[in-house]
Amino acid sequence: MRRERISSINERQLISRVLRGLGLPATSECDRFFQYFHSVANLRYASQQQCNRYVQGRRERRTLLTAIDLGRWVQRAPRQIYGEVVASSQIGESLMDDLRYAPQERLEVLVLDAKHQVIDRQTVFTGTLDSCPVHPREIFRLAVLNGASAIVVAHNHPSGLADPSPNDLKFMRRLAECGQLMGIPMLDGFVIGLRTYFSLREAGILPLIQTTNKSEGLKSD
């Protein structure tokens, strides 16, 4: 990805773009903004009086300043954390609370960062009472977009039985192999029943035995 060098030229372009969206004459209003603040960075140190003189009662100008403040907040805001994966038993019990009474089969994906904190959680598929058509690309698209270091996958059995079917095991192994290939391991896979759960990690199916490509050098974790 090419990184664009920040300069007064592209600052003006960005401000002009917003001003046009607000219905203001871009050239004259852009000149006015830089006359008062000289640069977007200087807005951080502007007094309330200076901002009010720039706005002069125009709602659109106030909206521009608010949009810049919002952009600054987005850069500083910490990522929301939904929890932390400590052990299979801990996450299994939590998933049971959420999924055991679901009337249809649901596939949930938990996206984890490098510290195994849950940074996103989504229901990727909702199926019929006895089937849930899924594809690994949908799951790993979510993982990649969130910058995942690992994932946990779970689905419920509306029958109440947590015993995985052959198709369940085949699908979750396929996910684990995809994750191994992409460098986004699947830490665990769950089948959620009414009174218990099945964990691939507790059953010894995960982690997969690591395979190495002879053409690549070995790297330590």
C-alpha atoms as a PDB file:
ATOM      1  CA  MET A   1       0.000   0.000   0.000  1.00  0.00           C
ATOM      2  CA  ARG A   2       1.428   3.397  -0.988  1.00  0.00           C
ATOM      3  CA  ARG A   3       1.603   5.871   1.862  1.00  0.00           C
ATOM      4  CA  GLU A   4       0.662   9.392   0.823  1.00  0.00           C
ATOM      5  CA  ARG A   5       2.893  12.126   2.199  1.00  0.00           C
ATOM      6  CA  ILE A   6       0.862  14.665   4.144  1.00  0.00           C
ATOM      7  CA  SER A   7       1.360  18.172   2.800  1.00  0.00           C
ATOM      8  CA  SER A   8      -0.495  21.461   2.669  1.00  0.00           C
ATOM      9  CA  ILE A   9      -1.522  20.580  -0.896  1.00  0.00           C
ATOM     10  CA  ASN A  10      -3.419  17.404  -0.071  1.00  0.00           C
ATOM     11  CA  GLU A  11      -4.713  18.962   3.155  1.00  0.00           C
ATOM     12  CA  ARG A  12      -6.397  21.576   0.990  1.00  0.00           C
ATOM     13  CA  GLN A  13      -7.758  18.878  -1.295  1.00  0.00           C
ATOM     14  CA  LEU A  14      -9.303  16.984   1.612  1.00  0.00           C
ATOM     15  CA  ILE A  15     -10.786  20.124   3.176  1.00  0.00           C
ATOM     16  CA  SER A  16     -12.178  21.192  -0.206  1.00  0.00           C
ATOM     17  CA  ARG A  17     -13.777  17.781  -0.649  1.00  0.00           C
ATOM     18  CA  VAL A  18     -15.587  18.071   2.675  1.00  0.00           C
ATOM     19  CA  LEU A  19     -16.640  21.652   1.977  1.00  0.00           C
ATOM     20  CA  ARG A  20     -18.159  20.662  -1.349  1.00  0.00           C
ATOM     21  CA  GLY A  21     -20.062  17.892   0.438  1.00  0.00           C
ATOM     22  CA  LEU A  22     -21.416  20.489   2.843  1.00  0.00           C
ATOM     23  CA  GLY A  23     -22.600  22.656  -0.032  1.00  0.00           C
ATOM     24  CA  LEU A  24     -20.057  25.461   0.519  1.00  0.00           C
ATOM     25  CA  PRO A  25     -17.970  27.113  -2.217  1.00  0.00           C
ATOM     26  CA  ALA A  26     -14.824  25.038  -1.888  1.00  0.00           C
ATOM     27  CA  THR A  27     -12.199  27.537  -3.050  1.00  0.00           C
ATOM     28  CA  SER A  28     -13.217  30.575  -0.997  1.00  0.00           C
ATOM     29  CA  GLU A  29     -14.138  28.534   2.073  1.00  0.00           C
ATOM     30  CA  CYS A  30     -10.880  26.598   1.904  1.00  0.00           C
ATOM     31  CA  ASP A  31      -8.980  29.874   1.768  1.00  0.00           C
ATOM     32  CA  ARG A  32     -10.936  31.054   4.801  1.00  0.00           C
ATOM     33  CA  PHE A  33     -10.137  27.890   6.786  1.00  0.00           C
ATOM     34  CA  PHE A  34      -6.384  28.148   6.173  1.00  0.00           C
ATOM     35  CA  GLN A  35      -6.457  31.887   6.820  1.00  0.00           C
ATOM     36  CA  TYR A  36      -7.725  31.187  10.343  1.00  0.00           C
ATOM     37  CA  PHE A  37      -5.848  27.963  11.174  1.00  0.00           C
ATOM     38  CA  HIS A  38      -2.949  27.724   8.631  1.00  0.00           C
ATOM     39  CA  SER A  39      -3.080  23.896   8.821  1.00  0.00           C
ATOM     40  CA  VAL A  40      -5.365  21.123  10.049  1.00  0.00           C
ATOM     41  CA  ALA A  41      -2.846  20.288  12.794  1.00  0.00           C
ATOM     42  CA  ASN A  42      -3.030  23.850  14.153  1.00  0.00           C
ATOM     43  CA  LEU A  43      -6.753  23.430  14.748  1.00  0.00           C
ATOM     44  CA  ARG A  44      -5.823  21.316  17.778  1.00  0.00           C
ATOM     45  CA  TYR A  45      -4.384  24.400  19.490  1.00  0.00           C
ATOM     46  CA  ALA A  46      -7.032  26.886  18.370  1.00  0.00           C
ATOM     47  CA  SER A  47      -9.014  28.641  21.081  1.00  0.00           C
ATOM     48  CA  GLN A  48     -12.791  28.502  21.274  1.00  0.00           C
ATOM     49  CA  GLN A  49     -12.861  32.201  20.434  1.00  0.00           C
ATOM     50  CA  GLN A  50     -10.793  31.634  17.313  1.00  0.00           C
ATOM     51  CA  CYS A  51     -13.086  28.794  16.223  1.00  0.00           C
ATOM     52  CA  ASN A  52     -16.173  30.938  16.793  1.00  0.00           C
ATOM     53  CA  ARG A  53     -14.688  33.758  14.691  1.00  0.00           C
ATOM     54  CA  TYR A  54     -14.071  31.272  11.890  1.00  0.00           C
ATOM     55  CA  VAL A  55     -17.579  29.782  12.098  1.00  0.00           C
ATOM     56  CA  GLN A  56     -19.456  33.135  12.339  1.00  0.00           C
ATOM     57  CA  GLY A  57     -22.766  31.371  12.783  1.00  0.00           C
ATOM     58  CA  ARG A  58     -22.439  29.107   9.736  1.00  0.00           C
ATOM     59  CA  ARG A  59     -23.625  25.605  10.656  1.00  0.00           C
ATOM     60  CA  GLU A  60     -21.648  24.050   7.800  1.00  0.00           C
ATOM     61  CA  ARG A  61     -18.355  25.486   9.097  1.00  0.00           C
ATOM     62  CA  ARG A  62     -19.097  24.108  12.553  1.00  0.00           C
ATOM     63  CA  THR A  63     -19.766  20.733  10.947  1.00  0.00           C
ATOM     64  CA  LEU A  64     -16.349  20.843   9.277  1.00  0.00           C
ATOM     65  CA  LEU A  65     -14.614  21.447  12.608  1.00  0.00           C
ATOM     66  CA  THR A  66     -16.630  18.644  14.207  1.00  0.00           C
ATOM     67  CA  ALA A  67     -15.656  16.259  11.391  1.00  0.00           C
ATOM     68  CA  ILE A  68     -11.970  17.039  11.943  1.00  0.00           C
ATOM     69  CA  ASP A  69     -12.389  16.438  15.695  1.00  0.00           C
ATOM     70  CA  LEU A  70     -14.073  13.119  14.939  1.00  0.00           C
ATOM     71  CA  GLY A  71     -11.208  12.050  12.703  1.00  0.00           C
ATOM     72  CA  ARG A  72      -8.728  12.907  15.460  1.00  0.00           C
ATOM     73  CA  TRP A  73     -10.789  10.899  17.980  1.00  0.00           C
ATOM     74  CA  VAL A  74     -10.866   7.871  15.656  1.00  0.00           C
ATOM     75  CA  GLN A  75      -7.059   7.865  15.572  1.00  0.00           C
ATOM     76  CA  ARG A  76      -6.788   7.911  19.363  1.00  0.00           C
ATOM     77  CA  ALA A  77      -9.733   5.687  20.294  1.00  0.00           C
ATOM     78  CA  PRO A  78      -8.781   2.285  21.736  1.00  0.00           C
ATOM     79  CA  ARG A  79     -10.151  -0.791  20.032  1.00  0.00           C
ATOM     80  CA  GLN A  80     -13.216  -2.240  21.711  1.00  0.00           C
ATOM     81  CA  ILE A  81     -12.510  -5.509  23.535  1.00  0.00           C
ATOM     82  CA  TYR A  82     -15.351  -8.015  23.924  1.00  0.00           C
ATOM     83  CA  GLY A  83     -13.533 -10.348  26.293  1.00  0.00           C
ATOM     84  CA  GLU A  84     -10.455 -12.512  26.523  1.00  0.00           C
ATOM     85  CA  VAL A  85      -9.965 -16.181  25.678  1.00  0.00           C
ATOM     86  CA  VAL A  86      -8.168 -17.807  28.595  1.00  0.00           C
ATOM     87  CA  ALA A  87      -9.170 -21.475  28.292  1.00  0.00           C
ATOM     88  CA  SER A  88     -11.479 -23.692  26.248  1.00  0.00           C
ATOM     89  CA  SER A  89     -13.683 -24.336  29.287  1.00  0.00           C
ATOM     90  CA  GLN A  90     -14.135 -20.612  29.897  1.00  0.00           C
ATOM     91  CA  ILE A  91     -15.105 -19.775  26.305  1.00  0.00           C
ATOM     92  CA  GLY A  92     -17.203 -22.952  25.965  1.00  0.00           C
ATOM     93  CA  GLU A  93     -19.356 -22.070  28.979  1.00  0.00           C
ATOM     94  CA  SER A  94     -19.779 -18.526  27.687  1.00  0.00           C
ATOM     95  CA  LEU A  95     -20.842 -19.750  24.237  1.00  0.00           C
ATOM     96  CA  MET A  96     -23.327 -22.148  25.806  1.00  0.00           C
ATOM     97  CA  ASP A  97     -25.034 -19.250  27.559  1.00  0.00           C
ATOM     98  CA  ASP A  98     -25.459 -17.515  24.206  1.00  0.00           C
ATOM     99  CA  LEU A  99     -26.243 -20.369  21.825  1.00  0.00           C
ATOM    100  CA  ARG A 100     -27.831 -23.301  23.668  1.00  0.00           C
ATOM    101  CA  TYR A 101     -31.437 -22.096  23.184  1.00  0.00           C
ATOM    102  CA  ALA A 102     -31.063 -20.757  19.630  1.00  0.00           C
ATOM    103  CA  PRO A 103     -33.866 -22.311  17.516  1.00  0.00           C
ATOM    104  CA  GLN A 104     -31.707 -22.424  14.381  1.00  0.00           C
ATOM    105  CA  GLU A 105     -28.141 -23.438  13.795  1.00  0.00           C
ATOM    106  CA  ARG A 106     -25.820 -20.425  14.043  1.00  0.00           C
ATOM    107  CA  LEU A 107     -22.162 -20.176  13.195  1.00  0.00           C
ATOM    108  CA  GLU A 108     -20.283 -17.664  15.361  1.00  0.00           C
ATOM    109  CA  VAL A 109     -16.774 -16.392  14.746  1.00  0.00           C
ATOM    110  CA  LEU A 110     -14.678 -14.793  17.485  1.00  0.00           C
ATOM    111  CA  VAL A 111     -11.799 -12.710  16.160  1.00  0.00           C
ATOM    112  CA  LEU A 112      -8.762 -12.550  18.472  1.00  0.00           C
ATOM    113  CA  ASP A 113      -5.762 -10.261  18.647  1.00  0.00           C
ATOM    114  CA  ALA A 114      -2.227 -11.320  19.570  1.00  0.00           C
ATOM    115  CA  LYS A 115      -3.142 -11.270  23.293  1.00  0.00           C
ATOM    116  CA  HIS A 116      -6.172 -13.528  22.641  1.00  0.00           C
ATOM    117  CA  GLN A 117      -8.546 -10.659  23.349  1.00  0.00           C
ATOM    118  CA  VAL A 118     -11.825 -10.834  21.418  1.00  0.00           C
ATOM    119  CA  ILE A 119     -11.830  -7.781  19.137  1.00  0.00           C
ATOM    120  CA  ASP A 120     -14.886  -8.789  17.107  1.00  0.00           C
ATOM    121  CA  ARG A 121     -17.633 -11.365  17.255  1.00  0.00           C
ATOM    122  CA  GLN A 122     -20.156 -12.005  14.502  1.00  0.00           C
ATOM    123  CA  THR A 123     -22.803 -14.503  13.525  1.00  0.00           C
ATOM    124  CA  VAL A 124     -21.579 -15.423  10.062  1.00  0.00           C
ATOM    125  CA  PHE A 125     -24.382 -17.813   9.107  1.00  0.00           C
ATOM    126  CA  THR A 126     -27.821 -18.779  10.323  1.00  0.00           C
ATOM    127  CA  GLY A 127     -29.063 -22.067   8.886  1.00  0.00           C
ATOM    128  CA  THR A 128     -32.055 -24.347   8.993  1.00  0.00           C
ATOM    129  CA  LEU A 129     -32.780 -26.598  11.955  1.00  0.00           C
ATOM    130  CA  ASP A 130     -30.339 -29.232  10.740  1.00  0.00           C
ATOM    131  CA  SER A 131     -27.923 -27.525   8.375  1.00  0.00           C
ATOM    132  CA  CYS A 132     -25.826 -24.397   8.085  1.00  0.00           C
ATOM    133  CA  PRO A 133     -24.155 -23.894   4.687  1.00  0.00           C
ATOM    134  CA  VAL A 134     -20.839 -22.123   5.173  1.00  0.00           C
ATOM    135  CA  HIS A 135     -17.644 -21.371   3.291  1.00  0.00           C
ATOM    136  CA  PRO A 136     -14.216 -20.703   4.814  1.00  0.00           C
ATOM    137  CA  ARG A 137     -13.716 -17.556   2.719  1.00  0.00           C
ATOM    138  CA  GLU A 138     -16.520 -15.759   4.582  1.00  0.00           C
ATOM    139  CA  ILE A 139     -14.925 -16.569   7.920  1.00  0.00           C
ATOM    140  CA  PHE A 140     -11.394 -15.593   6.951  1.00  0.00           C
ATOM    141  CA  ARG A 141     -12.573 -12.439   5.203  1.00  0.00           C
ATOM    142  CA  LEU A 142     -13.860 -11.317   8.593  1.00  0.00           C
ATOM    143  CA  ALA A 143     -10.566 -12.320  10.220  1.00  0.00           C
ATOM    144  CA  VAL A 144      -8.426 -10.474   7.665  1.00  0.00           C
ATOM    145  CA  LEU A 145     -10.528  -7.296   7.751  1.00  0.00           C
ATOM    146  CA  ASN A 146     -10.118  -7.172  11.532  1.00  0.00           C
ATOM    147  CA  GLY A 147      -6.383  -7.905  11.516  1.00  0.00           C
ATOM    148  CA  ALA A 148      -6.895 -11.151  13.431  1.00  0.00           C
ATOM    149  CA  SER A 149      -4.067 -13.124  14.999  1.00  0.00           C
ATOM    150  CA  ALA A 150      -6.362 -16.108  15.585  1.00  0.00           C
ATOM    151  CA  ILE A 151     -10.017 -17.133  15.518  1.00  0.00           C
ATOM    152  CA  VAL A 152     -12.434 -19.304  17.468  1.00  0.00           C
ATOM    153  CA  VAL A 153     -15.419 -20.822  15.677  1.00  0.00           C
ATOM    154  CA  ALA A 154     -18.586 -22.211  17.245  1.00  0.00           C
ATOM    155  CA  HIS A 155     -21.969 -23.455  16.130  1.00  0.00           C
ATOM    156  CA  ASN A 156     -24.924 -24.852  18.022  1.00  0.00           C
ATOM    157  CA  HIS A 157     -27.010 -27.979  17.531  1.00  0.00           C
ATOM    158  CA  PRO A 158     -30.711 -27.140  18.002  1.00  0.00           C
ATOM    159  CA  SER A 159     -31.242 -30.832  18.820  1.00  0.00           C
ATOM    160  CA  GLY A 160     -29.460 -30.136  22.109  1.00  0.00           C
ATOM    161  CA  LEU A 161     -26.764 -32.759  21.479  1.00  0.00           C
ATOM    162  CA  ALA A 162     -23.174 -31.518  21.358  1.00  0.00           C
ATOM    163  CA  ASP A 163     -21.799 -34.565  19.535  1.00  0.00           C
ATOM    164  CA  PRO A 164     -20.102 -33.364  16.320  1.00  0.00           C
ATOM    165  CA  SER A 165     -21.243 -34.972  13.092  1.00  0.00           C
ATOM    166  CA  PRO A 166     -18.698 -36.206  10.524  1.00  0.00           C
ATOM    167  CA  ASN A 167     -19.526 -33.108   8.474  1.00  0.00           C
ATOM    168  CA  ASP A 168     -18.876 -30.884  11.508  1.00  0.00           C
ATOM    169  CA  LEU A 169     -15.445 -32.389  12.017  1.00  0.00           C
ATOM    170  CA  LYS A 170     -14.620 -32.243   8.312  1.00  0.00           C
ATOM    171  CA  PHE A 171     -15.640 -28.593   8.077  1.00  0.00           C
ATOM    172  CA  MET A 172     -13.785 -27.490  11.196  1.00  0.00           C
ATOM    173  CA  ARG A 173     -10.648 -29.349  10.160  1.00  0.00           C
ATOM    174  CA  ARG A 174     -10.859 -27.578   6.798  1.00  0.00           C
ATOM    175  CA  LEU A 175     -11.089 -24.253   8.623  1.00  0.00           C
ATOM    176  CA  ALA A 176      -8.080 -25.138  10.760  1.00  0.00           C
ATOM    177  CA  GLU A 177      -6.058 -26.060   7.668  1.00  0.00           C
ATOM    178  CA  CYS A 178      -7.018 -22.764   5.986  1.00  0.00           C
ATOM    179  CA  GLY A 179      -6.005 -20.879   9.105  1.00  0.00           C
ATOM    180  CA  GLN A 180      -2.683 -22.701   9.235  1.00  0.00           C
ATOM    181  CA  LEU A 181      -2.019 -21.772   5.629  1.00  0.00           C
ATOM    182  CA  MET A 182      -2.942 -18.113   6.165  1.00  0.00           C
ATOM    183  CA  GLY A 183      -1.116 -17.697   9.450  1.00  0.00           C
ATOM    184  CA  ILE A 184      -4.394 -17.088  11.311  1.00  0.00           C
ATOM    185  CA  PRO A 185      -4.755 -20.243  13.421  1.00  0.00           C
ATOM    186  CA  MET A 186      -8.082 -21.516  14.637  1.00  0.00           C
ATOM    187  CA  LEU A 187      -7.478 -21.836  18.375  1.00  0.00           C
ATOM    188  CA  ASP A 188     -10.603 -23.879  18.987  1.00  0.00           C
ATOM    189  CA  GLY A 189     -13.823 -25.026  17.407  1.00  0.00           C
ATOM    190  CA  PHE A 190     -16.993 -25.686  19.405  1.00  0.00           C
ATOM    191  CA  VAL A 191     -20.256 -27.537  18.981  1.00  0.00           C
ATOM    192  CA  ILE A 192     -22.755 -26.198  21.496  1.00  0.00           C
ATOM    193  CA  GLY A 193     -25.504 -28.371  22.924  1.00  0.00           C
ATOM    194  CA  LEU A 194     -28.163 -27.777  25.552  1.00  0.00           C
ATOM    195  CA  ARG A 195     -26.221 -29.033  28.582  1.00  0.00           C
ATOM    196  CA  THR A 196     -22.671 -29.430  27.321  1.00  0.00           C
ATOM    197  CA  TYR A 197     -20.276 -28.503  24.532  1.00  0.00           C
ATOM    198  CA  PHE A 198     -17.673 -30.201  22.379  1.00  0.00           C
ATOM    199  CA  SER A 199     -14.243 -28.571  22.009  1.00  0.00           C
ATOM    200  CA  LEU A 200     -11.768 -29.602  19.317  1.00  0.00           C
ATOM    201  CA  ARG A 201      -8.872 -28.504  21.515  1.00  0.00           C
ATOM    202  CA  GLU A 202     -10.090 -30.443  24.556  1.00  0.00           C
ATOM    203  CA  ALA A 203     -10.602 -33.472  22.303  1.00  0.00           C
ATOM    204  CA  GLY A 204      -6.993 -33.238  21.106  1.00  0.00           C
ATOM    205  CA  ILE A 205      -7.928 -32.487  17.478  1.00  0.00           C
ATOM    206  CA  LEU A 206      -6.434 -29.006  17.687  1.00  0.00           C
ATOM    207  CA  PRO A 207      -3.845 -27.710  17.252  1.00  0.00           C
ATOM    208  CA  LEU A 208      -3.085 -29.411  13.967  1.00  0.00           C
ATOM    209  CA  ILE A 209       0.317 -30.993  13.518  1.00  0.00           C
ATOM    210  CA  GLN A 210       2.476 -28.311  11.940  1.00  0.00           C
ATOM    211  CA  THR A 211       3.687 -28.987   8.431  1.00  0.00           C
ATOM    212  CA  THR A 212       6.676 -27.180   6.965  1.00  0.00           C
ATOM    213  CA  ASN A 213       7.361 -26.166   3.417  1.00  0.00           C
ATOM    214  CA  LYS A 214      10.881 -27.218   2.459  1.00  0.00           C
ATOM    215  CA  SER A 215      11.266 -24.134   0.286  1.00  0.00           C
ATOM    216  CA  GLU A 216      10.752 -21.822   3.290  1.00  0.00           C
ATOM    217  CA  GLY A 217      13.107 -21.236   6.162  1.00  0.00           C
ATOM    218  CA  LEU A 218      11.970 -22.234   9.622  1.00  0.00           C
ATOM    219  CA  LYS A 219      11.007 -19.417  11.970  1.00  0.00           C
ATOM    220  CA  SER A 220      10.652 -19.616  15.726  1.00  0.00           C
ATOM    221  CA  ASP A 221       7.460 -18.399  17.372  1.00  0.00           C
END
